[in-house]
Amino acid sequence: MSTTKYKHKEGRGSLFKNNYKEKDTQPDLKGTMTDLEGNEFELSAWEGTTQAGDFKLSIQVSKPYQKNESTDDSSQKDDDIPF
């Protein structure tokens, strides 16, 4: 299994069924895209219908999630200890 993350060509993206959806507020589809400048984004989409009853997708684009690694209090330096 490769640990390399796939990067779309510029101006392309993919959406996949969200198998982890537990609430209506969570997206039906999730994926990624690369804009025309090479920046990567996350995609989320919700299936719905218009007032006329036609199928629609509502889409949200966001910056990729980055885990905050500075939340661990055990990384405190010895210089910070007051005694």
N, C-alpha and C. Protein backbone atom coordinates (compact mmCIF):
# COMPACT_ATOMS: atom_id res chain seq x y z
N MET A 1 0.84 -1.18 0.00
CA MET A 1 0.00 0.00 0.00
C MET A 1 0.88 1.24 0.00
N SER A 2 0.61 2.14 -0.90
CA SER A 2 1.42 3.34 -1.05
C SER A 2 0.97 4.42 -0.07
N THR A 3 1.92 5.16 0.49
CA THR A 3 1.59 6.27 1.38
C THR A 3 1.57 7.58 0.63
N THR A 4 1.85 7.56 -0.68
CA THR A 4 1.85 8.76 -1.49
C THR A 4 0.41 9.19 -1.77
N LYS A 5 0.13 10.46 -1.53
CA LYS A 5 -1.21 11.00 -1.76
C LYS A 5 -1.34 11.38 -3.23
N TYR A 6 -2.45 10.98 -3.85
CA TYR A 6 -2.70 11.30 -5.24
C TYR A 6 -3.00 12.79 -5.39
N LYS A 7 -2.41 13.42 -6.40
CA LYS A 7 -2.69 14.83 -6.68
C LYS A 7 -3.29 14.91 -8.08
N HIS A 8 -4.45 15.52 -8.18
CA HIS A 8 -5.13 15.69 -9.47
C HIS A 8 -4.35 16.64 -10.37
N LYS A 9 -4.55 16.50 -11.67
CA LYS A 9 -4.03 17.47 -12.61
C LYS A 9 -4.74 18.80 -12.35
N GLU A 10 -4.12 19.90 -12.76
CA GLU A 10 -4.71 21.22 -12.53
C GLU A 10 -6.09 21.32 -13.16
N GLY A 11 -7.04 21.85 -12.40
CA GLY A 11 -8.40 22.03 -12.88
C GLY A 11 -9.26 20.78 -12.78
N ARG A 12 -8.77 19.75 -12.07
CA ARG A 12 -9.49 18.49 -11.96
C ARG A 12 -9.73 18.13 -10.50
N GLY A 13 -10.70 17.23 -10.28
CA GLY A 13 -11.00 16.75 -8.94
C GLY A 13 -11.88 15.52 -8.99
N SER A 14 -12.13 14.92 -7.84
CA SER A 14 -12.98 13.73 -7.74
C SER A 14 -13.81 13.80 -6.47
N LEU A 15 -15.03 13.26 -6.55
CA LEU A 15 -15.90 13.12 -5.39
C LEU A 15 -16.26 11.65 -5.23
N PHE A 16 -16.34 11.18 -3.98
CA PHE A 16 -16.67 9.80 -3.68
C PHE A 16 -17.74 9.77 -2.59
N LYS A 17 -18.52 8.70 -2.56
CA LYS A 17 -19.54 8.53 -1.53
C LYS A 17 -18.89 8.58 -0.15
N ASN A 18 -19.51 9.31 0.76
CA ASN A 18 -19.03 9.41 2.14
C ASN A 18 -19.59 8.24 2.94
N ASN A 19 -18.79 7.20 3.10
CA ASN A 19 -19.21 6.00 3.82
C ASN A 19 -19.28 6.20 5.33
N TYR A 20 -18.83 7.35 5.82
CA TYR A 20 -18.82 7.63 7.26
C TYR A 20 -19.94 8.58 7.67
N LYS A 21 -20.86 8.88 6.77
CA LYS A 21 -21.95 9.82 7.07
C LYS A 21 -22.86 9.22 8.14
N GLU A 22 -23.08 9.98 9.22
CA GLU A 22 -23.94 9.55 10.32
C GLU A 22 -25.11 10.51 10.54
N LYS A 23 -24.97 11.78 10.08
CA LYS A 23 -26.01 12.80 10.27
C LYS A 23 -26.30 13.47 8.93
N ASP A 24 -27.50 14.04 8.80
CA ASP A 24 -27.88 14.74 7.57
C ASP A 24 -26.99 15.95 7.28
N THR A 25 -26.38 16.51 8.31
CA THR A 25 -25.54 17.69 8.12
C THR A 25 -24.18 17.33 7.52
N GLN A 26 -23.80 16.06 7.57
CA GLN A 26 -22.53 15.63 6.99
C GLN A 26 -22.70 15.43 5.48
N PRO A 27 -21.63 15.66 4.70
CA PRO A 27 -21.75 15.58 3.25
C PRO A 27 -22.04 14.16 2.75
N ASP A 28 -22.77 14.09 1.63
CA ASP A 28 -23.03 12.81 0.97
C ASP A 28 -21.81 12.35 0.18
N LEU A 29 -21.03 13.32 -0.32
CA LEU A 29 -19.85 13.04 -1.13
C LEU A 29 -18.67 13.84 -0.60
N LYS A 30 -17.47 13.27 -0.68
CA LYS A 30 -16.24 13.96 -0.27
C LYS A 30 -15.16 13.68 -1.30
N GLY A 31 -14.21 14.59 -1.42
CA GLY A 31 -13.12 14.37 -2.35
C GLY A 31 -12.12 15.51 -2.31
N THR A 32 -11.29 15.56 -3.35
CA THR A 32 -10.26 16.59 -3.45
C THR A 32 -10.22 17.13 -4.87
N MET A 33 -9.57 18.29 -5.02
CA MET A 33 -9.37 18.90 -6.33
C MET A 33 -8.10 19.72 -6.32
N THR A 34 -7.62 20.05 -7.50
CA THR A 34 -6.49 20.94 -7.68
C THR A 34 -6.95 22.09 -8.56
N ASP A 35 -6.75 23.34 -8.11
CA ASP A 35 -7.19 24.48 -8.91
C ASP A 35 -6.21 24.73 -10.06
N LEU A 36 -6.48 25.75 -10.86
CA LEU A 36 -5.67 26.03 -12.05
C LEU A 36 -4.27 26.53 -11.71
N GLU A 37 -4.04 26.88 -10.45
CA GLU A 37 -2.72 27.33 -10.01
C GLU A 37 -1.95 26.23 -9.28
N GLY A 38 -2.53 25.02 -9.19
CA GLY A 38 -1.86 23.90 -8.56
C GLY A 38 -2.13 23.74 -7.08
N ASN A 39 -3.01 24.56 -6.50
CA ASN A 39 -3.35 24.46 -5.08
C ASN A 39 -4.37 23.36 -4.86
N GLU A 40 -4.18 22.57 -3.80
CA GLU A 40 -5.09 21.47 -3.49
C GLU A 40 -6.18 21.93 -2.52
N PHE A 41 -7.40 21.41 -2.72
CA PHE A 41 -8.54 21.73 -1.88
C PHE A 41 -9.34 20.47 -1.60
N GLU A 42 -10.11 20.50 -0.50
CA GLU A 42 -11.04 19.42 -0.18
C GLU A 42 -12.42 19.82 -0.69
N LEU A 43 -13.17 18.84 -1.17
CA LEU A 43 -14.52 19.06 -1.66
C LEU A 43 -15.51 18.30 -0.79
N SER A 44 -16.67 18.90 -0.57
CA SER A 44 -17.79 18.24 0.10
C SER A 44 -19.03 18.57 -0.70
N ALA A 45 -19.95 17.61 -0.81
CA ALA A 45 -21.17 17.85 -1.57
C ALA A 45 -22.36 17.18 -0.89
N TRP A 46 -23.51 17.86 -0.96
CA TRP A 46 -24.75 17.36 -0.41
C TRP A 46 -25.76 17.22 -1.55
N GLU A 47 -26.43 16.06 -1.63
CA GLU A 47 -27.46 15.85 -2.63
C GLU A 47 -28.76 16.47 -2.14
N GLY A 48 -29.54 17.02 -3.07
CA GLY A 48 -30.81 17.62 -2.71
C GLY A 48 -31.66 17.84 -3.94
N THR A 49 -32.75 18.57 -3.74
CA THR A 49 -33.63 18.90 -4.85
C THR A 49 -33.95 20.39 -4.82
N THR A 50 -34.20 20.94 -6.00
CA THR A 50 -34.59 22.34 -6.11
C THR A 50 -36.07 22.46 -5.74
N GLN A 51 -36.57 23.69 -5.66
CA GLN A 51 -37.98 23.90 -5.37
C GLN A 51 -38.86 23.30 -6.47
N ALA A 52 -38.31 23.20 -7.69
CA ALA A 52 -39.06 22.61 -8.80
C ALA A 52 -38.98 21.08 -8.80
N GLY A 53 -38.20 20.52 -7.87
CA GLY A 53 -38.08 19.07 -7.77
C GLY A 53 -36.94 18.46 -8.56
N ASP A 54 -36.09 19.30 -9.15
CA ASP A 54 -34.94 18.81 -9.91
C ASP A 54 -33.78 18.47 -8.99
N PHE A 55 -32.97 17.49 -9.38
CA PHE A 55 -31.79 17.08 -8.61
C PHE A 55 -30.76 18.21 -8.60
N LYS A 56 -30.08 18.39 -7.44
CA LYS A 56 -28.99 19.36 -7.35
C LYS A 56 -27.91 18.85 -6.40
N LEU A 57 -26.70 19.36 -6.57
CA LEU A 57 -25.61 19.14 -5.64
C LEU A 57 -25.20 20.50 -5.07
N SER A 58 -25.12 20.60 -3.76
CA SER A 58 -24.58 21.78 -3.10
C SER A 58 -23.14 21.45 -2.75
N ILE A 59 -22.21 22.31 -3.14
CA ILE A 59 -20.78 22.00 -3.02
C ILE A 59 -20.09 23.01 -2.12
N GLN A 60 -19.15 22.50 -1.32
CA GLN A 60 -18.31 23.34 -0.47
C GLN A 60 -16.85 23.02 -0.78
N VAL A 61 -16.04 24.07 -0.93
CA VAL A 61 -14.60 23.92 -1.16
C VAL A 61 -13.89 24.47 0.07
N SER A 62 -12.90 23.74 0.59
CA SER A 62 -12.16 24.21 1.77
C SER A 62 -10.69 23.83 1.64
N LYS A 63 -9.87 24.53 2.41
CA LYS A 63 -8.44 24.20 2.44
C LYS A 63 -8.27 22.83 3.09
N PRO A 64 -7.24 22.08 2.70
CA PRO A 64 -7.02 20.75 3.28
C PRO A 64 -6.85 20.80 4.80
N TYR A 65 -7.40 19.81 5.48
CA TYR A 65 -7.28 19.70 6.93
C TYR A 65 -5.84 19.42 7.30
N GLN A 66 -5.32 20.15 8.27
CA GLN A 66 -3.98 19.90 8.78
C GLN A 66 -4.07 19.69 10.27
N LYS A 67 -3.62 18.53 10.72
CA LYS A 67 -3.66 18.20 12.14
C LYS A 67 -2.72 19.12 12.90
N ASN A 68 -3.22 19.69 14.00
CA ASN A 68 -2.42 20.56 14.85
C ASN A 68 -1.62 19.69 15.81
N GLU A 69 -0.32 19.64 15.62
CA GLU A 69 0.53 18.77 16.44
C GLU A 69 1.02 19.46 17.71
N SER A 70 0.71 20.72 17.90
CA SER A 70 1.21 21.45 19.09
C SER A 70 0.23 21.37 20.25
N THR A 71 -0.73 20.45 20.24
CA THR A 71 -1.70 20.35 21.33
C THR A 71 -1.20 19.48 22.48
N ASP A 72 -0.07 18.83 22.33
CA ASP A 72 0.48 17.95 23.35
C ASP A 72 1.23 18.76 24.40
N ASP A 73 0.75 18.78 25.66
CA ASP A 73 1.38 19.56 26.73
C ASP A 73 2.71 18.96 27.19
N SER A 74 3.00 17.71 26.85
CA SER A 74 4.23 17.08 27.29
C SER A 74 5.45 17.58 26.52
N SER A 75 5.24 18.42 25.50
CA SER A 75 6.35 18.93 24.70
C SER A 75 6.94 20.19 25.32
N GLN A 76 6.58 20.51 26.54
CA GLN A 76 7.06 21.70 27.22
C GLN A 76 8.56 21.58 27.47
N LYS A 77 9.30 22.65 27.17
CA LYS A 77 10.75 22.65 27.35
C LYS A 77 11.09 22.81 28.83
N ASP A 78 12.28 22.35 29.22
CA ASP A 78 12.73 22.47 30.60
C ASP A 78 12.83 23.93 31.03
N ASP A 79 13.12 24.84 30.08
CA ASP A 79 13.24 26.25 30.41
C ASP A 79 11.91 26.85 30.86
N ASP A 80 10.79 26.22 30.50
CA ASP A 80 9.48 26.73 30.85
C ASP A 80 9.03 26.31 32.25
N ILE A 81 9.74 25.38 32.87
CA ILE A 81 9.36 24.89 34.19
C ILE A 81 9.83 25.90 35.23
N PRO A 82 8.91 26.36 36.11
CA PRO A 82 9.23 27.46 37.03
C PRO A 82 10.09 27.09 38.23
N PHE A 83 10.66 25.91 38.33
CA PHE A 83 11.49 25.59 39.50
C PHE A 83 12.83 25.06 39.10
